[in-house]
Amino acid sequence: MVDELYDARAADRFGLAAGQVCVMIHCGSRGLGHQVCTDHVRIMDTAMARYGISVPDRQLACAPADSPEGRDYLAAMAAAANYGRANRQLLTEAARQAFSQVTGARLDLVYDISHNLAKIEPHRLDGRERRLCVHRKGATPALPPGHPALPADLRDSGQPVLIPGSMGTSSYVLAGAEGGGAFHSTCHGAGRVMSRHQAARSVTAATLRQRLARQGIAVRGASSRGLTEETPEAYKDVTEVVSAAEGAGLCRKIARLLPAGVIKG
C-alpha cells in the first residue's frame, strides 16, 4: 500500500496515490541467470590472459565486449533477461485476473524494469561520447528527467525505479535524478547482510509468520525454507540504503510502500 508520497507530481504521472493498493513483483531468471554467470566467468577466466587483462577477484573475470567470449556472454545474458521478462509478464497477468475476480478492479502497470544486466549504451567519458558496456550488478538503470532514451510520457519525471525492501519493511518507488552519476544507475534493492543459509538457520517459519502477522502482514510461501531465507533481518535497512542513494545524487524518492501481504515462490 502507498504509505507516503515525496513527489506528488511524479507519483501522479506513475499512477500512484496515497492509500492505493499496489502489487510489486520481484522475479527474474535466478537459476538461469546464475548458470549463465557461472559458465561465462569460467570461460572468461581462461580467456583474460589472451587479452592482457588481470583482475583482483575472479568474479570480475571479463573479456572485450566485441570478442567471441564477450558476444557469447551478451547473447546468453539477453536470453536470461528475456526469460525474466516473460516470467514477470505472466505473473502480472495472473495478478490482474485475481484482482479483477475479487474486486472488479484493474491493475495498471507502473513500470517493468530489469537489474543485473549488461547493456551497450552511449555515455560521455573523459570529455567525449563513447559506447560503453555498462554492467549493473546489484544495480538498475535510473535515467534522469529529459534523457532522450525515455518515452515521452516519462520525459519530465525520469525513469521509475522499483526498490523492494523485505517481507517486513518498506519498499520504494524512485526515479532517476538530474546529473545521474554512476552511468545513470542506482541500487535495485536493500541488499543482503546474511546469506540464504544463515537466514534459514536464524528463525523458524512458524515464528516468522507469527511475527509478521503481529505487524498486520499476511505471508504465504511455497516452502518453509523459502520463507526463512527471506527473513527481514537478512537485509539491510532499505530506508537507509535509499537515503544514501538519494544523497549521492543517483535517484530521488517518489513514494514509499508498506507491505500488507507477501507471497514467496
Protein backbone atom coordinates (compact mmCIF):
# COMPACT_ATOMS: atom_id res chain seq x y z
CA MET A 1 0.00 0.00 0.00
CA VAL A 2 1.23 3.52 -0.82
CA ASP A 3 2.05 4.98 2.60
CA GLU A 4 3.77 8.26 1.71
CA LEU A 5 4.35 10.43 -1.34
CA TYR A 6 7.53 12.50 -1.70
CA ASP A 7 6.93 13.86 -5.21
CA ALA A 8 3.20 14.14 -5.85
CA ARG A 9 3.60 15.24 -9.47
CA ALA A 10 5.83 12.31 -10.44
CA ALA A 11 3.67 9.91 -8.42
CA ASP A 12 0.62 11.06 -10.35
CA ARG A 13 2.49 10.53 -13.61
CA PHE A 14 3.29 6.98 -12.46
CA GLY A 15 -0.37 6.40 -11.50
CA LEU A 16 0.32 6.26 -7.74
CA ALA A 17 -1.83 7.80 -4.99
CA ALA A 18 -1.75 7.75 -1.18
CA GLY A 19 -3.57 4.75 0.28
CA GLN A 20 -3.52 2.88 -3.03
CA VAL A 21 -3.05 -0.88 -3.04
CA CYS A 22 -0.15 -1.98 -5.23
CA VAL A 23 1.38 -5.30 -6.26
CA MET A 24 5.18 -5.38 -6.51
CA ILE A 25 6.55 -8.40 -8.40
CA HIS A 26 10.22 -9.24 -7.97
CA CYS A 27 11.01 -12.12 -10.29
CA GLY A 28 13.59 -12.89 -12.89
CA SER A 29 15.77 -15.74 -14.08
CA ARG A 30 17.61 -16.50 -10.85
CA GLY A 31 18.55 -20.11 -11.69
CA LEU A 32 19.20 -19.49 -15.39
CA GLY A 33 20.92 -16.18 -14.76
CA HIS A 34 23.20 -17.72 -12.14
CA GLN A 35 24.13 -20.53 -14.53
CA VAL A 36 24.90 -18.06 -17.32
CA CYS A 37 27.17 -16.15 -14.94
CA THR A 38 28.91 -19.30 -13.69
CA ASP A 39 29.53 -20.64 -17.18
CA HIS A 40 30.87 -17.40 -18.60
CA VAL A 41 33.01 -16.45 -15.60
CA ARG A 42 34.77 -19.79 -16.17
CA ILE A 43 35.21 -19.10 -19.88
CA MET A 44 36.45 -15.53 -19.38
CA ASP A 45 38.75 -16.57 -16.55
CA THR A 46 40.74 -18.66 -19.02
CA ALA A 47 40.47 -16.08 -21.83
CA MET A 48 41.72 -12.98 -19.97
CA ALA A 49 45.41 -13.77 -20.46
CA ARG A 50 44.95 -13.65 -24.24
CA TYR A 51 43.66 -10.08 -23.95
CA GLY A 52 46.23 -8.91 -21.39
CA ILE A 53 43.58 -8.49 -18.67
CA SER A 54 44.14 -9.13 -14.96
CA VAL A 55 41.57 -8.59 -12.19
CA PRO A 56 41.83 -8.70 -8.37
CA ASP A 57 38.88 -11.08 -7.99
CA ARG A 58 37.84 -14.00 -10.21
CA GLN A 59 34.24 -12.80 -10.06
CA LEU A 60 35.37 -9.80 -12.12
CA ALA A 61 36.55 -12.03 -14.98
CA CYS A 62 35.88 -10.28 -18.29
CA ALA A 63 36.71 -10.03 -21.96
CA PRO A 64 36.28 -7.30 -24.59
CA ALA A 65 32.61 -6.85 -25.47
CA ASP A 66 33.30 -7.40 -29.18
CA SER A 67 35.37 -10.56 -28.64
CA PRO A 68 33.87 -14.03 -29.24
CA GLU A 69 33.65 -14.55 -25.47
CA GLY A 70 32.05 -11.14 -24.95
CA ARG A 71 29.49 -11.62 -27.71
CA ASP A 72 28.59 -15.11 -26.44
CA TYR A 73 28.09 -13.76 -22.93
CA LEU A 74 25.90 -10.86 -24.05
CA ALA A 75 23.73 -13.24 -26.08
CA ALA A 76 23.32 -15.68 -23.18
CA MET A 77 22.57 -12.85 -20.76
CA ALA A 78 19.94 -11.45 -23.15
CA ALA A 79 18.26 -14.88 -23.24
CA ALA A 80 18.15 -14.95 -19.42
CA ALA A 81 16.76 -11.39 -19.36
CA ASN A 82 14.02 -12.31 -21.81
CA TYR A 83 13.16 -15.32 -19.64
CA GLY A 84 12.83 -13.00 -16.63
CA ARG A 85 10.64 -10.55 -18.54
CA ALA A 86 8.36 -13.37 -19.69
CA ASN A 87 8.07 -14.57 -16.08
CA ARG A 88 7.03 -11.11 -14.88
CA GLN A 89 4.53 -10.71 -17.70
CA LEU A 90 2.81 -13.98 -16.79
CA LEU A 91 2.79 -13.17 -13.07
CA THR A 92 1.39 -9.71 -13.80
CA GLU A 93 -1.44 -11.19 -15.85
CA ALA A 94 -2.21 -13.70 -13.07
CA ALA A 95 -2.33 -10.87 -10.51
CA ARG A 96 -4.63 -8.86 -12.78
CA GLN A 97 -7.02 -11.78 -13.13
CA ALA A 98 -7.08 -12.40 -9.36
CA PHE A 99 -7.77 -8.74 -8.52
CA SER A 100 -10.42 -8.49 -11.22
CA GLN A 101 -12.23 -11.59 -9.98
CA VAL A 102 -12.24 -10.50 -6.33
CA THR A 103 -12.57 -6.71 -6.53
CA GLY A 104 -13.59 -5.92 -10.08
CA ALA A 105 -10.65 -3.51 -10.24
CA ARG A 106 -7.96 -3.44 -12.91
CA LEU A 107 -4.25 -3.33 -12.18
CA ASP A 108 -2.31 -0.89 -14.37
CA LEU A 109 1.42 -1.38 -14.86
CA VAL A 110 3.64 1.32 -13.34
CA TYR A 111 6.89 0.00 -14.81
CA ASP A 112 8.79 -3.19 -15.60
CA ILE A 113 12.49 -2.81 -15.01
CA SER A 114 15.37 -5.29 -15.02
CA HIS A 115 18.53 -5.36 -12.96
CA ASN A 116 21.85 -7.23 -13.07
CA LEU A 117 22.17 -6.60 -16.81
CA ALA A 118 24.99 -5.50 -19.10
CA LYS A 119 23.90 -3.00 -21.75
CA ILE A 120 25.71 -1.23 -24.57
CA GLU A 121 24.99 2.46 -24.04
CA PRO A 122 26.32 5.89 -25.12
CA HIS A 123 27.91 7.89 -22.28
CA ARG A 124 30.18 10.90 -22.06
CA LEU A 125 33.52 9.81 -20.62
CA ASP A 126 36.80 11.72 -20.47
CA GLY A 127 35.24 14.60 -22.38
CA ARG A 128 33.86 12.65 -25.33
CA GLU A 129 30.91 10.45 -26.26
CA ARG A 130 31.69 6.74 -26.12
CA ARG A 131 29.80 3.47 -26.45
CA LEU A 132 30.25 1.57 -23.19
CA CYS A 133 29.20 -1.81 -21.88
CA VAL A 134 27.62 -0.89 -18.53
CA HIS A 135 27.18 -3.95 -16.31
CA ARG A 136 24.81 -3.06 -13.48
CA LYS A 137 25.47 -5.82 -10.96
CA GLY A 138 23.28 -5.19 -7.93
CA ALA A 139 22.02 -2.09 -9.72
CA THR A 140 19.40 -0.90 -12.15
CA PRO A 141 19.09 1.92 -14.71
CA ALA A 142 17.84 5.28 -13.38
CA LEU A 143 17.64 7.64 -16.36
CA PRO A 144 17.20 11.30 -15.34
CA PRO A 145 14.42 13.64 -16.49
CA GLY A 146 14.92 14.77 -20.07
CA HIS A 147 17.02 11.78 -21.11
CA PRO A 148 16.44 11.07 -24.81
CA ALA A 149 16.01 7.32 -24.21
CA LEU A 150 12.90 7.90 -22.07
CA PRO A 151 9.44 7.61 -23.64
CA ALA A 152 7.55 10.89 -23.97
CA ASP A 153 5.23 10.24 -21.00
CA LEU A 154 8.22 9.83 -18.65
CA ARG A 155 10.47 12.53 -20.11
CA ASP A 156 9.69 15.11 -17.40
CA SER A 157 9.65 12.71 -14.42
CA GLY A 158 12.62 10.46 -15.07
CA GLN A 159 12.76 6.69 -15.21
CA PRO A 160 10.80 4.84 -12.50
CA VAL A 161 12.93 2.65 -10.23
CA LEU A 162 11.39 -0.06 -8.03
CA ILE A 163 13.28 -0.84 -4.81
CA PRO A 164 11.98 -3.83 -2.84
CA GLY A 165 12.79 -3.94 0.86
CA SER A 166 11.96 -7.17 2.66
CA MET A 167 8.84 -9.06 3.75
CA GLY A 168 8.57 -6.91 6.86
CA THR A 169 9.79 -3.48 5.74
CA SER A 170 9.02 -0.67 3.34
CA SER A 171 9.64 -0.71 -0.39
CA TYR A 172 10.20 2.38 -2.50
CA VAL A 173 9.41 3.82 -5.90
CA LEU A 174 12.22 6.14 -7.02
CA ALA A 175 13.07 7.98 -10.21
CA GLY A 176 16.27 8.95 -11.97
CA ALA A 177 17.80 12.23 -10.78
CA GLU A 178 19.32 15.18 -12.60
CA GLY A 179 23.02 14.62 -13.12
CA GLY A 180 22.60 10.84 -12.78
CA GLY A 181 26.06 9.70 -11.75
CA ALA A 182 27.31 6.11 -11.98
CA PHE A 183 26.26 5.96 -15.65
CA HIS A 184 22.62 6.66 -14.67
CA SER A 185 22.40 3.76 -12.22
CA THR A 186 21.17 3.16 -8.70
CA CYS A 187 20.74 0.19 -6.35
CA HIS A 188 17.99 -2.33 -7.08
CA GLY A 189 17.22 -3.35 -3.50
CA ALA A 190 18.27 -3.23 0.12
CA GLY A 191 21.00 -5.86 -0.26
CA ARG A 192 21.59 -8.85 1.96
CA VAL A 193 23.55 -8.92 5.20
CA MET A 194 23.01 -12.68 5.68
CA SER A 195 23.43 -15.50 3.20
CA ARG A 196 20.32 -17.54 2.48
CA HIS A 197 21.80 -20.39 4.51
CA GLN A 198 22.47 -18.12 7.50
CA ALA A 199 18.99 -16.62 7.30
CA ALA A 200 17.31 -20.02 7.17
CA ARG A 201 19.15 -21.06 10.34
CA SER A 202 18.23 -17.86 12.21
CA VAL A 203 14.46 -18.32 12.51
CA THR A 204 11.70 -20.89 12.05
CA ALA A 205 8.93 -20.38 9.52
CA ALA A 206 6.27 -20.53 12.26
CA THR A 207 7.99 -17.83 14.32
CA LEU A 208 8.46 -15.64 11.24
CA ARG A 209 4.79 -15.96 10.24
CA GLN A 210 3.63 -15.07 13.75
CA ARG A 211 5.90 -12.04 13.96
CA LEU A 212 4.79 -10.69 10.59
CA ALA A 213 1.14 -11.36 11.46
CA ARG A 214 1.54 -9.12 14.51
CA GLN A 215 2.66 -6.39 12.09
CA GLY A 216 -0.51 -6.96 10.05
CA ILE A 217 1.36 -8.71 7.22
CA ALA A 218 -0.05 -11.94 5.77
CA VAL A 219 2.61 -14.31 4.43
CA ARG A 220 2.35 -17.30 2.12
CA GLY A 221 5.27 -19.37 0.88
CA ALA A 222 5.90 -22.34 -1.36
CA SER A 223 8.16 -23.78 1.36
CA SER A 224 9.24 -23.04 4.92
CA ARG A 225 12.86 -22.80 3.79
CA GLY A 226 11.93 -20.26 1.14
CA LEU A 227 10.30 -18.05 3.78
CA THR A 228 13.11 -18.21 6.31
CA GLU A 229 15.70 -17.37 3.63
CA GLU A 230 13.91 -14.03 3.22
CA THR A 231 13.51 -13.08 6.88
CA PRO A 232 13.66 -9.26 7.22
CA GLU A 233 16.87 -9.46 9.29
CA ALA A 234 18.67 -10.89 6.25
CA TYR A 235 18.56 -7.46 4.58
CA LYS A 236 19.99 -4.02 5.19
CA ASP A 237 17.70 -1.20 6.31
CA VAL A 238 16.08 -0.24 3.00
CA THR A 239 15.30 3.30 4.16
CA GLU A 240 18.97 3.95 4.94
CA VAL A 241 20.01 2.43 1.61
CA VAL A 242 17.54 4.60 -0.34
CA SER A 243 18.56 7.72 1.61
CA ALA A 244 22.23 7.03 0.82
CA ALA A 245 21.47 6.56 -2.89
CA GLU A 246 19.41 9.76 -2.96
CA GLY A 247 22.10 11.63 -1.04
CA ALA A 248 24.66 10.53 -3.62
CA GLY A 249 22.51 12.06 -6.36
CA LEU A 250 21.74 8.71 -8.02
CA CYS A 251 17.94 8.89 -7.65
CA ARG A 252 15.11 10.66 -5.85
CA LYS A 253 12.26 9.30 -3.76
CA ILE A 254 8.76 9.27 -5.24
CA ALA A 255 6.73 7.05 -2.90
CA ARG A 256 7.02 4.62 0.00
CA LEU A 257 5.03 1.39 0.10
CA LEU A 258 4.20 -0.71 3.18
CA PRO A 259 3.60 -4.48 2.94
CA ALA A 260 0.18 -5.97 3.67
CA GLY A 261 0.70 -9.40 2.12
CA VAL A 262 3.69 -11.32 0.83
CA ILE A 263 3.85 -14.37 -1.45
CA LYS A 264 7.22 -16.12 -1.70
CA GLY A 265 7.55 -18.52 -4.62
